Amino acid sequence: MSGGGTATLPVVSGRDVVRALRKIGYFLDHQRGSHMVLRQEKQPYRRIVVPDHKVVAKGTLRAIIRDAGLTVAELNALL
């Protein structure tokens, strides 16, 4: 990867991710075990599953960012 101008993926907890996504219209729909399920308040009503871990794995965080329709830089700005 050539890294030209790409934002660095943050090291964050699941609760930090939920806090950031709440700022853009997601709410905690329910939680089952360590999985927090967020739902978007407006269309397209996306559902995103966030693990309630102290550190969210890089691949999992990238999938959450992609599913939310964000970029890494946009997530960093929300944190």
N, C-alpha and C. Protein backbone atom coordinates (compact mmCIF):
# COMPACT_ATOMS: atom_id res chain seq x y z
N MET A 1 0.85 -1.17 0.00
CA MET A 1 0.00 0.00 0.00
C MET A 1 0.90 1.24 0.00
N SER A 2 0.55 2.23 -0.81
CA SER A 2 1.43 3.38 -0.97
C SER A 2 1.16 4.49 0.02
N GLY A 3 0.19 4.47 0.84
CA GLY A 3 0.01 5.40 1.95
C GLY A 3 0.02 6.88 1.61
N GLY A 4 -0.07 7.26 0.35
CA GLY A 4 -0.04 8.67 0.00
C GLY A 4 -1.29 9.40 0.46
N GLY A 5 -1.19 10.05 1.63
CA GLY A 5 -2.31 10.85 2.13
C GLY A 5 -3.41 10.04 2.81
N THR A 6 -3.17 8.77 3.07
CA THR A 6 -4.19 7.98 3.74
C THR A 6 -4.17 8.21 5.24
N ALA A 7 -5.34 8.17 5.83
CA ALA A 7 -5.46 8.37 7.27
C ALA A 7 -5.08 7.09 8.00
N THR A 8 -4.57 7.24 9.20
CA THR A 8 -4.17 6.10 10.01
C THR A 8 -5.38 5.52 10.73
N LEU A 9 -5.49 4.23 10.70
CA LEU A 9 -6.58 3.54 11.39
C LEU A 9 -6.37 3.67 12.90
N PRO A 10 -7.35 4.20 13.62
CA PRO A 10 -7.17 4.39 15.06
C PRO A 10 -7.29 3.08 15.84
N VAL A 11 -6.73 3.04 17.03
CA VAL A 11 -6.89 1.92 17.95
C VAL A 11 -7.97 2.36 18.93
N VAL A 12 -9.16 1.76 18.82
CA VAL A 12 -10.30 2.21 19.62
C VAL A 12 -11.06 1.03 20.20
N SER A 13 -11.83 1.31 21.24
CA SER A 13 -12.71 0.30 21.84
C SER A 13 -14.04 0.29 21.09
N GLY A 14 -14.81 -0.75 21.32
CA GLY A 14 -16.14 -0.83 20.72
C GLY A 14 -17.04 0.30 21.18
N ARG A 15 -16.92 0.67 22.44
CA ARG A 15 -17.74 1.77 22.97
C ARG A 15 -17.37 3.11 22.34
N ASP A 16 -16.08 3.29 22.02
CA ASP A 16 -15.66 4.51 21.32
C ASP A 16 -16.27 4.56 19.92
N VAL A 17 -16.31 3.41 19.25
CA VAL A 17 -16.91 3.35 17.91
C VAL A 17 -18.40 3.69 17.99
N VAL A 18 -19.10 3.13 18.97
CA VAL A 18 -20.53 3.42 19.15
C VAL A 18 -20.74 4.91 19.39
N ARG A 19 -19.91 5.50 20.24
CA ARG A 19 -20.01 6.93 20.54
C ARG A 19 -19.84 7.76 19.28
N ALA A 20 -18.90 7.38 18.42
CA ALA A 20 -18.66 8.11 17.17
C ALA A 20 -19.84 7.95 16.21
N LEU A 21 -20.36 6.73 16.10
CA LEU A 21 -21.46 6.49 15.17
C LEU A 21 -22.76 7.15 15.63
N ARG A 22 -22.92 7.33 16.92
CA ARG A 22 -24.11 8.05 17.42
C ARG A 22 -24.14 9.48 16.91
N LYS A 23 -22.97 10.07 16.69
CA LYS A 23 -22.89 11.45 16.22
C LYS A 23 -23.43 11.61 14.80
N ILE A 24 -23.48 10.50 14.05
CA ILE A 24 -23.96 10.60 12.66
C ILE A 24 -25.28 9.86 12.46
N GLY A 25 -26.04 9.68 13.55
CA GLY A 25 -27.39 9.18 13.39
C GLY A 25 -27.63 7.71 13.65
N TYR A 26 -26.71 7.03 14.29
CA TYR A 26 -26.92 5.64 14.67
C TYR A 26 -27.35 5.58 16.13
N PHE A 27 -28.13 4.58 16.48
CA PHE A 27 -28.51 4.38 17.87
C PHE A 27 -28.36 2.90 18.21
N LEU A 28 -28.19 2.61 19.50
CA LEU A 28 -28.04 1.23 19.97
C LEU A 28 -29.40 0.56 19.92
N ASP A 29 -29.57 -0.37 19.00
CA ASP A 29 -30.83 -1.09 18.84
C ASP A 29 -30.96 -2.15 19.93
N HIS A 30 -29.94 -2.98 20.05
CA HIS A 30 -29.91 -3.98 21.12
C HIS A 30 -28.50 -4.54 21.25
N GLN A 31 -28.30 -5.31 22.30
CA GLN A 31 -27.01 -5.95 22.53
C GLN A 31 -27.26 -7.40 22.90
N ARG A 32 -26.46 -8.27 22.31
CA ARG A 32 -26.54 -9.69 22.64
C ARG A 32 -25.13 -10.15 22.94
N GLY A 33 -24.89 -10.45 24.19
CA GLY A 33 -23.53 -10.82 24.60
C GLY A 33 -22.61 -9.62 24.41
N SER A 34 -21.52 -9.84 23.67
CA SER A 34 -20.57 -8.76 23.46
C SER A 34 -20.80 -8.02 22.14
N HIS A 35 -21.92 -8.30 21.47
CA HIS A 35 -22.21 -7.66 20.19
C HIS A 35 -23.26 -6.57 20.35
N MET A 36 -22.87 -5.33 20.05
CA MET A 36 -23.80 -4.21 20.10
C MET A 36 -24.31 -3.97 18.68
N VAL A 37 -25.63 -3.96 18.51
CA VAL A 37 -26.22 -3.77 17.19
C VAL A 37 -26.76 -2.35 17.10
N LEU A 38 -26.18 -1.58 16.17
CA LEU A 38 -26.62 -0.21 15.96
C LEU A 38 -27.47 -0.13 14.71
N ARG A 39 -28.40 0.80 14.71
CA ARG A 39 -29.29 0.99 13.58
C ARG A 39 -29.27 2.47 13.21
N GLN A 40 -29.34 2.74 11.91
CA GLN A 40 -29.37 4.11 11.43
C GLN A 40 -30.78 4.66 11.56
N GLU A 41 -30.91 5.88 12.06
CA GLU A 41 -32.22 6.48 12.30
C GLU A 41 -32.97 6.82 11.01
N LYS A 42 -32.23 7.15 9.96
CA LYS A 42 -32.84 7.53 8.68
C LYS A 42 -32.44 6.55 7.60
N GLN A 43 -33.14 6.61 6.48
CA GLN A 43 -32.80 5.71 5.38
C GLN A 43 -31.34 5.87 5.02
N PRO A 44 -30.64 4.82 4.69
CA PRO A 44 -31.08 3.48 4.34
C PRO A 44 -31.22 2.51 5.52
N TYR A 45 -31.34 2.99 6.74
CA TYR A 45 -31.56 2.16 7.93
C TYR A 45 -30.53 1.05 8.07
N ARG A 46 -29.28 1.39 7.89
CA ARG A 46 -28.22 0.38 8.00
C ARG A 46 -28.17 -0.20 9.41
N ARG A 47 -27.75 -1.46 9.49
CA ARG A 47 -27.48 -2.10 10.78
C ARG A 47 -26.00 -2.43 10.82
N ILE A 48 -25.38 -2.08 11.93
CA ILE A 48 -23.95 -2.34 12.09
C ILE A 48 -23.74 -3.04 13.42
N VAL A 49 -22.97 -4.11 13.39
CA VAL A 49 -22.65 -4.85 14.61
C VAL A 49 -21.25 -4.44 15.05
N VAL A 50 -21.16 -3.98 16.31
CA VAL A 50 -19.88 -3.55 16.87
C VAL A 50 -19.57 -4.42 18.08
N PRO A 51 -18.39 -5.05 18.11
CA PRO A 51 -18.05 -5.86 19.29
C PRO A 51 -17.72 -4.97 20.48
N ASP A 52 -18.18 -5.36 21.65
CA ASP A 52 -17.91 -4.61 22.88
C ASP A 52 -16.57 -5.08 23.45
N HIS A 53 -15.50 -4.75 22.73
CA HIS A 53 -14.15 -5.15 23.13
C HIS A 53 -13.34 -3.93 23.51
N LYS A 54 -12.30 -4.13 24.30
CA LYS A 54 -11.43 -3.01 24.68
C LYS A 54 -10.69 -2.46 23.47
N VAL A 55 -10.32 -3.34 22.54
CA VAL A 55 -9.68 -2.92 21.29
C VAL A 55 -10.35 -3.68 20.15
N VAL A 56 -10.92 -2.94 19.21
CA VAL A 56 -11.55 -3.55 18.04
C VAL A 56 -10.45 -3.90 17.04
N ALA A 57 -10.48 -5.14 16.53
CA ALA A 57 -9.47 -5.60 15.58
C ALA A 57 -9.48 -4.74 14.32
N LYS A 58 -8.31 -4.60 13.68
CA LYS A 58 -8.18 -3.74 12.50
C LYS A 58 -9.15 -4.11 11.39
N GLY A 59 -9.23 -5.39 11.07
CA GLY A 59 -10.12 -5.83 9.99
C GLY A 59 -11.58 -5.58 10.33
N THR A 60 -11.94 -5.80 11.58
CA THR A 60 -13.31 -5.55 12.03
C THR A 60 -13.63 -4.07 11.95
N LEU A 61 -12.68 -3.23 12.37
CA LEU A 61 -12.90 -1.79 12.32
C LEU A 61 -13.04 -1.30 10.88
N ARG A 62 -12.22 -1.84 9.98
CA ARG A 62 -12.34 -1.47 8.56
C ARG A 62 -13.71 -1.86 8.01
N ALA A 63 -14.23 -3.02 8.41
CA ALA A 63 -15.55 -3.46 7.94
C ALA A 63 -16.65 -2.54 8.49
N ILE A 64 -16.52 -2.14 9.75
CA ILE A 64 -17.50 -1.23 10.36
C ILE A 64 -17.49 0.10 9.62
N ILE A 65 -16.29 0.62 9.34
CA ILE A 65 -16.16 1.90 8.62
C ILE A 65 -16.81 1.78 7.24
N ARG A 66 -16.53 0.69 6.54
CA ARG A 66 -17.10 0.48 5.20
C ARG A 66 -18.62 0.37 5.26
N ASP A 67 -19.13 -0.43 6.22
CA ASP A 67 -20.57 -0.62 6.35
C ASP A 67 -21.30 0.67 6.70
N ALA A 68 -20.63 1.57 7.44
CA ALA A 68 -21.23 2.84 7.82
C ALA A 68 -21.15 3.87 6.69
N GLY A 69 -20.43 3.55 5.64
CA GLY A 69 -20.29 4.48 4.52
C GLY A 69 -19.33 5.62 4.83
N LEU A 70 -18.36 5.35 5.70
CA LEU A 70 -17.39 6.37 6.10
C LEU A 70 -16.02 6.07 5.53
N THR A 71 -15.12 7.04 5.67
CA THR A 71 -13.71 6.82 5.40
C THR A 71 -13.00 6.79 6.76
N VAL A 72 -11.76 6.35 6.75
CA VAL A 72 -10.98 6.32 7.99
C VAL A 72 -10.82 7.74 8.53
N ALA A 73 -10.59 8.69 7.64
CA ALA A 73 -10.44 10.09 8.06
C ALA A 73 -11.72 10.62 8.71
N GLU A 74 -12.87 10.25 8.15
CA GLU A 74 -14.15 10.70 8.72
C GLU A 74 -14.37 10.10 10.10
N LEU A 75 -14.02 8.82 10.29
CA LEU A 75 -14.15 8.21 11.61
C LEU A 75 -13.22 8.91 12.60
N ASN A 76 -11.98 9.16 12.18
CA ASN A 76 -11.02 9.86 13.07
C ASN A 76 -11.57 11.21 13.51
N ALA A 77 -12.25 11.91 12.62
CA ALA A 77 -12.81 13.23 12.96
C ALA A 77 -13.95 13.10 13.97
N LEU A 78 -14.66 11.98 13.95
CA LEU A 78 -15.78 11.77 14.87
C LEU A 78 -15.32 11.35 16.26
N LEU A 79 -14.12 10.80 16.37
CA LEU A 79 -13.63 10.29 17.66
C LEU A 79 -13.18 11.42 18.57
